[in-house]
Each structure stands twice: as C-alpha cells, then as structure tokens.
Amino acid sequence: MRINGKLADKDGRLFEGMTVDGLHLSVEGYQVWADALKPIFTELLGPPRLTTPHVPPAIRVRKNETPMTAFFAALYPQCYAAFP
C-alpha cells in the first residue's frame, strides 16, 4: 500500500493538514490512511456493516484502545468478536 504521495510531496515534506504536530496524523491524515485500507479490508472481510447508509454505527472506545481501533472494530465487528 503506497500512500506517501497523498500525505507528502515528492521531497517527503508532509502536506499541510496531514499531521497535528509534524509527526502524528491528523483527522485528514487518518482519512487518507483509512481510504487506502478500505479496499483491502473489503476484499478480505467483505463490505463494512453500517446500520444506516452514510451513518456510522455508534463507536465505543474501550479502555486502552485508540479511536482508530474502535472505528475499525465498529465497521468490522467480525474481527473483534473474540475480544470482549
């Protein structure tokens, strides 16, 4: 998966808004990453389960869990069924 061209210029300088501090991805940066991962997950797991078109399911962030992990757990519950 190659997403460098969507996050940075040809010299490796990050595009404006891709990070919050020059290192950690911003919401926009995570969106680029998620958009690149979605076809891979869809191929492996099938289409994401949404409760209503264009409305994501309620996302519950558990203790010691990142928001990104909670996001993917909500979209692909079959992957996280073994983890209470």
PDB file of N, CA and C in Angstrom:
ATOM      1  N   MET A   1       0.855  -1.163   0.000  1.00  0.00           N
ATOM      2  CA  MET A   1       0.000   0.000   0.000  1.00  0.00           C
ATOM      3  C   MET A   1       0.905   1.232   0.000  1.00  0.00           C
ATOM      4  N   ARG A   2       0.729   2.053  -0.984  1.00  0.00           N
ATOM      5  CA  ARG A   2       1.547   3.265  -1.099  1.00  0.00           C
ATOM      6  C   ARG A   2       0.658   4.489  -0.977  1.00  0.00           C
ATOM      7  N   ILE A   3       0.839   5.231   0.101  1.00  0.00           N
ATOM      8  CA  ILE A   3       0.042   6.434   0.301  1.00  0.00           C
ATOM      9  C   ILE A   3       0.910   7.670   0.489  1.00  0.00           C
ATOM     10  N   ASN A   4       2.224   7.494   0.378  1.00  0.00           N
ATOM     11  CA  ASN A   4       3.115   8.640   0.579  1.00  0.00           C
ATOM     12  C   ASN A   4       2.750   9.819  -0.302  1.00  0.00           C
ATOM     13  N   GLY A   5       2.397   9.551  -1.566  1.00  0.00           N
ATOM     14  CA  GLY A   5       2.051  10.624  -2.491  1.00  0.00           C
ATOM     15  C   GLY A   5       0.808  11.402  -2.088  1.00  0.00           C
ATOM     16  N   LYS A   6       0.000  10.821  -1.205  1.00  0.00           N
ATOM     17  CA  LYS A   6      -1.200  11.511  -0.730  1.00  0.00           C
ATOM     18  C   LYS A   6      -0.948  12.246   0.582  1.00  0.00           C
ATOM     19  N   LEU A   7       0.164  11.908   1.248  1.00  0.00           N
ATOM     20  CA  LEU A   7       0.499  12.543   2.527  1.00  0.00           C
ATOM     21  C   LEU A   7       1.615  13.579   2.403  1.00  0.00           C
ATOM     22  N   ALA A   8       2.492  13.393   1.404  1.00  0.00           N
ATOM     23  CA  ALA A   8       3.677  14.245   1.309  1.00  0.00           C
ATOM     24  C   ALA A   8       4.021  14.510  -0.154  1.00  0.00           C
ATOM     25  N   ASP A   9       4.815  15.560  -0.362  1.00  0.00           N
ATOM     26  CA  ASP A   9       5.250  15.877  -1.716  1.00  0.00           C
ATOM     27  C   ASP A   9       6.406  14.964  -2.127  1.00  0.00           C
ATOM     28  N   LYS A  10       6.934  15.152  -3.335  1.00  0.00           N
ATOM     29  CA  LYS A  10       7.979  14.260  -3.853  1.00  0.00           C
ATOM     30  C   LYS A  10       9.272  14.340  -3.057  1.00  0.00           C
ATOM     31  N   ASP A  11       9.446  15.424  -2.290  1.00  0.00           N
ATOM     32  CA  ASP A  11      10.631  15.575  -1.445  1.00  0.00           C
ATOM     33  C   ASP A  11      10.412  15.063  -0.026  1.00  0.00           C
ATOM     34  N   GLY A  12       9.222  14.516   0.238  1.00  0.00           N
ATOM     35  CA  GLY A  12       8.929  13.955   1.549  1.00  0.00           C
ATOM     36  C   GLY A  12       8.372  14.939   2.553  1.00  0.00           C
ATOM     37  N   ARG A  13       8.109  16.166   2.118  1.00  0.00           N
ATOM     38  CA  ARG A  13       7.515  17.156   3.026  1.00  0.00           C
ATOM     39  C   ARG A  13       6.012  16.907   3.121  1.00  0.00           C
ATOM     40  N   LEU A  14       5.536  16.752   4.346  1.00  0.00           N
ATOM     41  CA  LEU A  14       4.118  16.469   4.564  1.00  0.00           C
ATOM     42  C   LEU A  14       3.251  17.624   4.085  1.00  0.00           C
ATOM     43  N   PHE A  15       2.137  17.276   3.449  1.00  0.00           N
ATOM     44  CA  PHE A  15       1.189  18.286   3.019  1.00  0.00           C
ATOM     45  C   PHE A  15       0.544  18.937   4.238  1.00  0.00           C
ATOM     46  N   GLU A  16       0.182  20.182   4.077  1.00  0.00           N
ATOM     47  CA  GLU A  16      -0.495  20.935   5.134  1.00  0.00           C
ATOM     48  C   GLU A  16      -1.739  20.183   5.578  1.00  0.00           C
ATOM     49  N   GLY A  17      -1.905  20.029   6.902  1.00  0.00           N
ATOM     50  CA  GLY A  17      -3.094  19.408   7.465  1.00  0.00           C
ATOM     51  C   GLY A  17      -3.021  17.903   7.656  1.00  0.00           C
ATOM     52  N   MET A  18      -1.945  17.256   7.181  1.00  0.00           N
ATOM     53  CA  MET A  18      -1.849  15.798   7.318  1.00  0.00           C
ATOM     54  C   MET A  18      -1.444  15.362   8.723  1.00  0.00           C
ATOM     55  N   THR A  19      -0.820  16.258   9.481  1.00  0.00           N
ATOM     56  CA  THR A  19      -0.443  15.930  10.856  1.00  0.00           C
ATOM     57  C   THR A  19      -0.866  17.057  11.787  1.00  0.00           C
ATOM     58  N   VAL A  20      -0.923  16.721  13.056  1.00  0.00           N
ATOM     59  CA  VAL A  20      -1.249  17.743  14.052  1.00  0.00           C
ATOM     60  C   VAL A  20       0.005  18.402  14.602  1.00  0.00           C
ATOM     61  N   ASP A  21       1.151  17.697  14.487  1.00  0.00           N
ATOM     62  CA  ASP A  21       2.379  18.216  15.087  1.00  0.00           C
ATOM     63  C   ASP A  21       3.626  17.924  14.260  1.00  0.00           C
ATOM     64  N   GLY A  22       3.448  17.560  13.006  1.00  0.00           N
ATOM     65  CA  GLY A  22       4.577  17.206  12.164  1.00  0.00           C
ATOM     66  C   GLY A  22       4.964  15.742  12.256  1.00  0.00           C
ATOM     67  N   LEU A  23       4.311  14.984  13.139  1.00  0.00           N
ATOM     68  CA  LEU A  23       4.622  13.568  13.323  1.00  0.00           C
ATOM     69  C   LEU A  23       3.363  12.707  13.361  1.00  0.00           C
ATOM     70  N   HIS A  24       2.410  13.070  14.207  1.00  0.00           N
ATOM     71  CA  HIS A  24       1.190  12.278  14.392  1.00  0.00           C
ATOM     72  C   HIS A  24       0.120  12.731  13.402  1.00  0.00           C
ATOM     73  N   LEU A  25      -0.539  11.754  12.777  1.00  0.00           N
ATOM     74  CA  LEU A  25      -1.557  12.074  11.781  1.00  0.00           C
ATOM     75  C   LEU A  25      -2.719  12.859  12.381  1.00  0.00           C
ATOM     76  N   SER A  26      -3.250  13.749  11.571  1.00  0.00           N
ATOM     77  CA  SER A  26      -4.461  14.486  11.917  1.00  0.00           C
ATOM     78  C   SER A  26      -5.661  13.670  11.434  1.00  0.00           C
ATOM     79  N   VAL A  27      -6.849  14.190  11.643  1.00  0.00           N
ATOM     80  CA  VAL A  27      -8.054  13.522  11.146  1.00  0.00           C
ATOM     81  C   VAL A  27      -7.951  13.364   9.630  1.00  0.00           C
ATOM     82  N   GLU A  28      -7.475  14.402   8.942  1.00  0.00           N
ATOM     83  CA  GLU A  28      -7.331  14.338   7.490  1.00  0.00           C
ATOM     84  C   GLU A  28      -6.304  13.263   7.096  1.00  0.00           C
ATOM     85  N   GLY A  29      -5.206  13.176   7.830  1.00  0.00           N
ATOM     86  CA  GLY A  29      -4.195  12.159   7.562  1.00  0.00           C
ATOM     87  C   GLY A  29      -4.730  10.761   7.782  1.00  0.00           C
ATOM     88  N   TYR A  30      -5.472  10.563   8.868  1.00  0.00           N
ATOM     89  CA  TYR A  30      -6.086   9.252   9.116  1.00  0.00           C
ATOM     90  C   TYR A  30      -7.108   8.916   8.035  1.00  0.00           C
ATOM     91  N   GLN A  31      -7.796   9.924   7.503  1.00  0.00           N
ATOM     92  CA  GLN A  31      -8.770   9.664   6.448  1.00  0.00           C
ATOM     93  C   GLN A  31      -8.070   9.144   5.197  1.00  0.00           C
ATOM     94  N   VAL A  32      -6.917   9.727   4.853  1.00  0.00           N
ATOM     95  CA  VAL A  32      -6.136   9.237   3.713  1.00  0.00           C
ATOM     96  C   VAL A  32      -5.763   7.774   3.949  1.00  0.00           C
ATOM     97  N   TRP A  33      -5.298   7.476   5.147  1.00  0.00           N
ATOM     98  CA  TRP A  33      -4.895   6.113   5.503  1.00  0.00           C
ATOM     99  C   TRP A  33      -6.099   5.165   5.441  1.00  0.00           C
ATOM    100  N   ALA A  34      -7.212   5.584   6.032  1.00  0.00           N
ATOM    101  CA  ALA A  34      -8.421   4.747   6.043  1.00  0.00           C
ATOM    102  C   ALA A  34      -8.932   4.499   4.625  1.00  0.00           C
ATOM    103  N   ASP A  35      -8.901   5.525   3.777  1.00  0.00           N
ATOM    104  CA  ASP A  35      -9.354   5.364   2.393  1.00  0.00           C
ATOM    105  C   ASP A  35      -8.497   4.337   1.650  1.00  0.00           C
ATOM    106  N   ALA A  36      -7.201   4.308   1.962  1.00  0.00           N
ATOM    107  CA  ALA A  36      -6.306   3.337   1.324  1.00  0.00           C
ATOM    108  C   ALA A  36      -6.540   1.923   1.865  1.00  0.00           C
ATOM    109  N   LEU A  37      -6.879   1.807   3.137  1.00  0.00           N
ATOM    110  CA  LEU A  37      -7.104   0.489   3.748  1.00  0.00           C
ATOM    111  C   LEU A  37      -8.461  -0.117   3.408  1.00  0.00           C
ATOM    112  N   LYS A  38      -9.443   0.708   3.146  1.00  0.00           N
ATOM    113  CA  LYS A  38     -10.806   0.216   2.959  1.00  0.00           C
ATOM    114  C   LYS A  38     -10.913  -0.864   1.880  1.00  0.00           C
ATOM    115  N   PRO A  39     -10.321  -0.689   0.678  1.00  0.00           N
ATOM    116  CA  PRO A  39     -10.435  -1.754  -0.315  1.00  0.00           C
ATOM    117  C   PRO A  39      -9.767  -3.062   0.122  1.00  0.00           C
ATOM    118  N   ILE A  40      -8.698  -2.948   0.882  1.00  0.00           N
ATOM    119  CA  ILE A  40      -8.006  -4.145   1.368  1.00  0.00           C
ATOM    120  C   ILE A  40      -8.898  -4.896   2.352  1.00  0.00           C
ATOM    121  N   PHE A  41      -9.467  -4.160   3.319  1.00  0.00           N
ATOM    122  CA  PHE A  41     -10.364  -4.790   4.291  1.00  0.00           C
ATOM    123  C   PHE A  41     -11.615  -5.345   3.611  1.00  0.00           C
ATOM    124  N   THR A  42     -12.127  -4.622   2.631  1.00  0.00           N
ATOM    125  CA  THR A  42     -13.329  -5.084   1.933  1.00  0.00           C
ATOM    126  C   THR A  42     -13.045  -6.387   1.191  1.00  0.00           C
ATOM    127  N   GLU A  43     -11.867  -6.474   0.569  1.00  0.00           N
ATOM    128  CA  GLU A  43     -11.504  -7.706  -0.133  1.00  0.00           C
ATOM    129  C   GLU A  43     -11.366  -8.878   0.843  1.00  0.00           C
ATOM    130  N   LEU A  44     -10.767  -8.623   1.997  1.00  0.00           N
ATOM    131  CA  LEU A  44     -10.531  -9.691   2.970  1.00  0.00           C
ATOM    132  C   LEU A  44     -11.774 -10.054   3.779  1.00  0.00           C
ATOM    133  N   LEU A  45     -12.569  -9.041   4.133  1.00  0.00           N
ATOM    134  CA  LEU A  45     -13.658  -9.256   5.089  1.00  0.00           C
ATOM    135  C   LEU A  45     -15.056  -9.042   4.536  1.00  0.00           C
ATOM    136  N   GLY A  46     -15.149  -8.547   3.332  1.00  0.00           N
ATOM    137  CA  GLY A  46     -16.445  -8.190   2.787  1.00  0.00           C
ATOM    138  C   GLY A  46     -16.756  -6.738   3.092  1.00  0.00           C
ATOM    139  N   PRO A  47     -17.868  -6.242   2.588  1.00  0.00           N
ATOM    140  CA  PRO A  47     -18.193  -4.826   2.791  1.00  0.00           C
ATOM    141  C   PRO A  47     -18.438  -4.503   4.259  1.00  0.00           C
ATOM    142  N   PRO A  48     -18.135  -3.256   4.647  1.00  0.00           N
ATOM    143  CA  PRO A  48     -18.375  -2.862   6.035  1.00  0.00           C
ATOM    144  C   PRO A  48     -19.867  -2.903   6.360  1.00  0.00           C
ATOM    145  N   ARG A  49     -20.162  -3.205   7.609  1.00  0.00           N
ATOM    146  CA  ARG A  49     -21.553  -3.240   8.067  1.00  0.00           C
ATOM    147  C   ARG A  49     -21.896  -1.874   8.636  1.00  0.00           C
ATOM    148  N   LEU A  50     -22.817  -1.209   8.016  1.00  0.00           N
ATOM    149  CA  LEU A  50     -23.300   0.072   8.520  1.00  0.00           C
ATOM    150  C   LEU A  50     -24.760  -0.100   8.905  1.00  0.00           C
ATOM    151  N   THR A  51     -25.160   0.565   9.976  1.00  0.00           N
ATOM    152  CA  THR A  51     -26.539   0.423  10.440  1.00  0.00           C
ATOM    153  C   THR A  51     -27.509   1.157   9.528  1.00  0.00           C
ATOM    154  N   THR A  52     -27.102   2.280   8.988  1.00  0.00           N
ATOM    155  CA  THR A  52     -27.915   3.091   8.092  1.00  0.00           C
ATOM    156  C   THR A  52     -26.977   3.681   7.049  1.00  0.00           C
ATOM    157  N   PRO A  53     -27.382   3.797   5.796  1.00  0.00           N
ATOM    158  CA  PRO A  53     -26.484   4.381   4.806  1.00  0.00           C
ATOM    159  C   PRO A  53     -25.947   5.741   5.244  1.00  0.00           C
ATOM    160  N   HIS A  54     -24.641   5.899   5.131  1.00  0.00           N
ATOM    161  CA  HIS A  54     -23.941   7.155   5.420  1.00  0.00           C
ATOM    162  C   HIS A  54     -23.928   7.531   6.899  1.00  0.00           C
ATOM    163  N   VAL A  55     -24.397   6.662   7.775  1.00  0.00           N
ATOM    164  CA  VAL A  55     -24.355   6.942   9.209  1.00  0.00           C
ATOM    165  C   VAL A  55     -23.574   5.815   9.871  1.00  0.00           C
ATOM    166  N   PRO A  56     -22.380   6.111  10.392  1.00  0.00           N
ATOM    167  CA  PRO A  56     -21.607   5.036  11.023  1.00  0.00           C
ATOM    168  C   PRO A  56     -22.267   4.563  12.300  1.00  0.00           C
ATOM    169  N   PRO A  57     -22.009   3.316  12.677  1.00  0.00           N
ATOM    170  CA  PRO A  57     -22.566   2.823  13.936  1.00  0.00           C
ATOM    171  C   PRO A  57     -21.951   3.565  15.117  1.00  0.00           C
ATOM    172  N   ALA A  58     -22.590   3.470  16.258  1.00  0.00           N
ATOM    173  CA  ALA A  58     -22.035   4.101  17.457  1.00  0.00           C
ATOM    174  C   ALA A  58     -20.673   3.486  17.746  1.00  0.00           C
ATOM    175  N   ILE A  59     -19.713   4.324  18.005  1.00  0.00           N
ATOM    176  CA  ILE A  59     -18.362   3.848  18.251  1.00  0.00           C
ATOM    177  C   ILE A  59     -18.058   3.997  19.735  1.00  0.00           C
ATOM    178  N   ARG A  60     -17.760   2.866  20.342  1.00  0.00           N
ATOM    179  CA  ARG A  60     -17.440   2.828  21.765  1.00  0.00           C
ATOM    180  C   ARG A  60     -15.940   2.592  21.889  1.00  0.00           C
ATOM    181  N   VAL A  61     -15.237   3.566  22.473  1.00  0.00           N
ATOM    182  CA  VAL A  61     -13.797   3.428  22.678  1.00  0.00           C
ATOM    183  C   VAL A  61     -13.579   2.812  24.050  1.00  0.00           C
ATOM    184  N   ARG A  62     -13.003   1.598  24.049  1.00  0.00           N
ATOM    185  CA  ARG A  62     -12.750   0.898  25.299  1.00  0.00           C
ATOM    186  C   ARG A  62     -11.449   1.390  25.933  1.00  0.00           C
ATOM    187  N   LYS A  63     -11.273   1.097  27.201  1.00  0.00           N
ATOM    188  CA  LYS A  63     -10.059   1.471  27.917  1.00  0.00           C
ATOM    189  C   LYS A  63      -8.854   0.879  27.186  1.00  0.00           C
ATOM    190  N   ASN A  64      -7.797   1.653  27.072  1.00  0.00           N
ATOM    191  CA  ASN A  64      -6.560   1.249  26.399  1.00  0.00           C
ATOM    192  C   ASN A  64      -6.762   0.945  24.918  1.00  0.00           C
ATOM    193  N   GLU A  65      -7.730   1.577  24.284  1.00  0.00           N
ATOM    194  CA  GLU A  65      -7.992   1.377  22.867  1.00  0.00           C
ATOM    195  C   GLU A  65      -7.916   2.731  22.169  1.00  0.00           C
ATOM    196  N   THR A  66      -7.334   2.762  20.994  1.00  0.00           N
ATOM    197  CA  THR A  66      -7.240   4.016  20.250  1.00  0.00           C
ATOM    198  C   THR A  66      -8.547   4.266  19.501  1.00  0.00           C
ATOM    199  N   PRO A  67      -8.846   5.509  19.188  1.00  0.00           N
ATOM    200  CA  PRO A  67     -10.050   5.790  18.398  1.00  0.00           C
ATOM    201  C   PRO A  67     -10.048   5.071  17.052  1.00  0.00           C
ATOM    202  N   MET A  68      -8.870   4.931  16.412  1.00  0.00           N
ATOM    203  CA  MET A  68      -8.810   4.240  15.127  1.00  0.00           C
ATOM    204  C   MET A  68      -9.179   2.772  15.283  1.00  0.00           C
ATOM    205  N   THR A  69      -8.708   2.125  16.353  1.00  0.00           N
ATOM    206  CA  THR A  69      -9.062   0.727  16.604  1.00  0.00           C
ATOM    207  C   THR A  69     -10.563   0.606  16.832  1.00  0.00           C
ATOM    208  N   ALA A  70     -11.136   1.522  17.587  1.00  0.00           N
ATOM    209  CA  ALA A  70     -12.578   1.495  17.841  1.00  0.00           C
ATOM    210  C   ALA A  70     -13.359   1.680  16.541  1.00  0.00           C
ATOM    211  N   PHE A  71     -12.857   2.550  15.663  1.00  0.00           N
ATOM    212  CA  PHE A  71     -13.502   2.794  14.374  1.00  0.00           C
ATOM    213  C   PHE A  71     -13.554   1.512  13.547  1.00  0.00           C
ATOM    214  N   PHE A  72     -12.404   0.821  13.412  1.00  0.00           N
ATOM    215  CA  PHE A  72     -12.379  -0.409  12.633  1.00  0.00           C
ATOM    216  C   PHE A  72     -13.157  -1.522  13.321  1.00  0.00           C
ATOM    217  N   ALA A  73     -13.173  -1.548  14.640  1.00  0.00           N
ATOM    218  CA  ALA A  73     -13.957  -2.553  15.362  1.00  0.00           C
ATOM    219  C   ALA A  73     -15.447  -2.366  15.085  1.00  0.00           C
ATOM    220  N   ALA A  74     -15.887  -1.122  14.981  1.00  0.00           N
ATOM    221  CA  ALA A  74     -17.298  -0.852  14.702  1.00  0.00           C
ATOM    222  C   ALA A  74     -17.663  -1.238  13.271  1.00  0.00           C
ATOM    223  N   LEU A  75     -16.752  -1.011  12.332  1.00  0.00           N
ATOM    224  CA  LEU A  75     -17.039  -1.330  10.939  1.00  0.00           C
ATOM    225  C   LEU A  75     -16.877  -2.816  10.625  1.00  0.00           C
ATOM    226  N   TYR A  76     -15.971  -3.487  11.352  1.00  0.00           N
ATOM    227  CA  TYR A  76     -15.694  -4.894  11.105  1.00  0.00           C
ATOM    228  C   TYR A  76     -15.802  -5.691  12.403  1.00  0.00           C
ATOM    229  N   PRO A  77     -17.005  -5.799  12.959  1.00  0.00           N
ATOM    230  CA  PRO A  77     -17.169  -6.468  14.247  1.00  0.00           C
ATOM    231  C   PRO A  77     -16.740  -7.932  14.232  1.00  0.00           C
ATOM    232  N   GLN A  78     -16.797  -8.578  13.056  1.00  0.00           N
ATOM    233  CA  GLN A  78     -16.413  -9.982  12.997  1.00  0.00           C
ATOM    234  C   GLN A  78     -14.943 -10.183  13.359  1.00  0.00           C
ATOM    235  N   CYS A  79     -14.117  -9.153  13.161  1.00  0.00           N
ATOM    236  CA  CYS A  79     -12.695  -9.266  13.512  1.00  0.00           C
ATOM    237  C   CYS A  79     -12.475  -9.152  15.011  1.00  0.00           C
ATOM    238  N   TYR A  80     -13.363  -8.487  15.693  1.00  0.00           N
ATOM    239  CA  TYR A  80     -13.169  -8.200  17.099  1.00  0.00           C
ATOM    240  C   TYR A  80     -14.115  -8.993  17.994  1.00  0.00           C
ATOM    241  N   ALA A  81     -14.850  -9.932  17.418  1.00  0.00           N
ATOM    242  CA  ALA A  81     -15.827 -10.699  18.195  1.00  0.00           C
ATOM    243  C   ALA A  81     -15.181 -11.495  19.316  1.00  0.00           C
ATOM    244  N   ALA A  82     -13.945 -11.895  19.125  1.00  0.00           N
ATOM    245  CA  ALA A  82     -13.259 -12.694  20.144  1.00  0.00           C
ATOM    246  C   ALA A  82     -12.751 -11.868  21.313  1.00  0.00           C
ATOM    247  N   PHE A  83     -12.785 -10.539  21.165  1.00  0.00           N
ATOM    248  CA  PHE A  83     -12.289  -9.651  22.209  1.00  0.00           C
ATOM    249  C   PHE A  83     -13.459  -8.954  22.901  1.00  0.00           C
ATOM    250  N   PRO A  84     -13.717  -9.283  24.158  1.00  0.00           N
ATOM    251  CA  PRO A  84     -14.869  -8.653  24.835  1.00  0.00           C
ATOM    252  C   PRO A  84     -14.635  -7.184  25.124  1.00  0.00           C
TER     253      PRO A  84
END
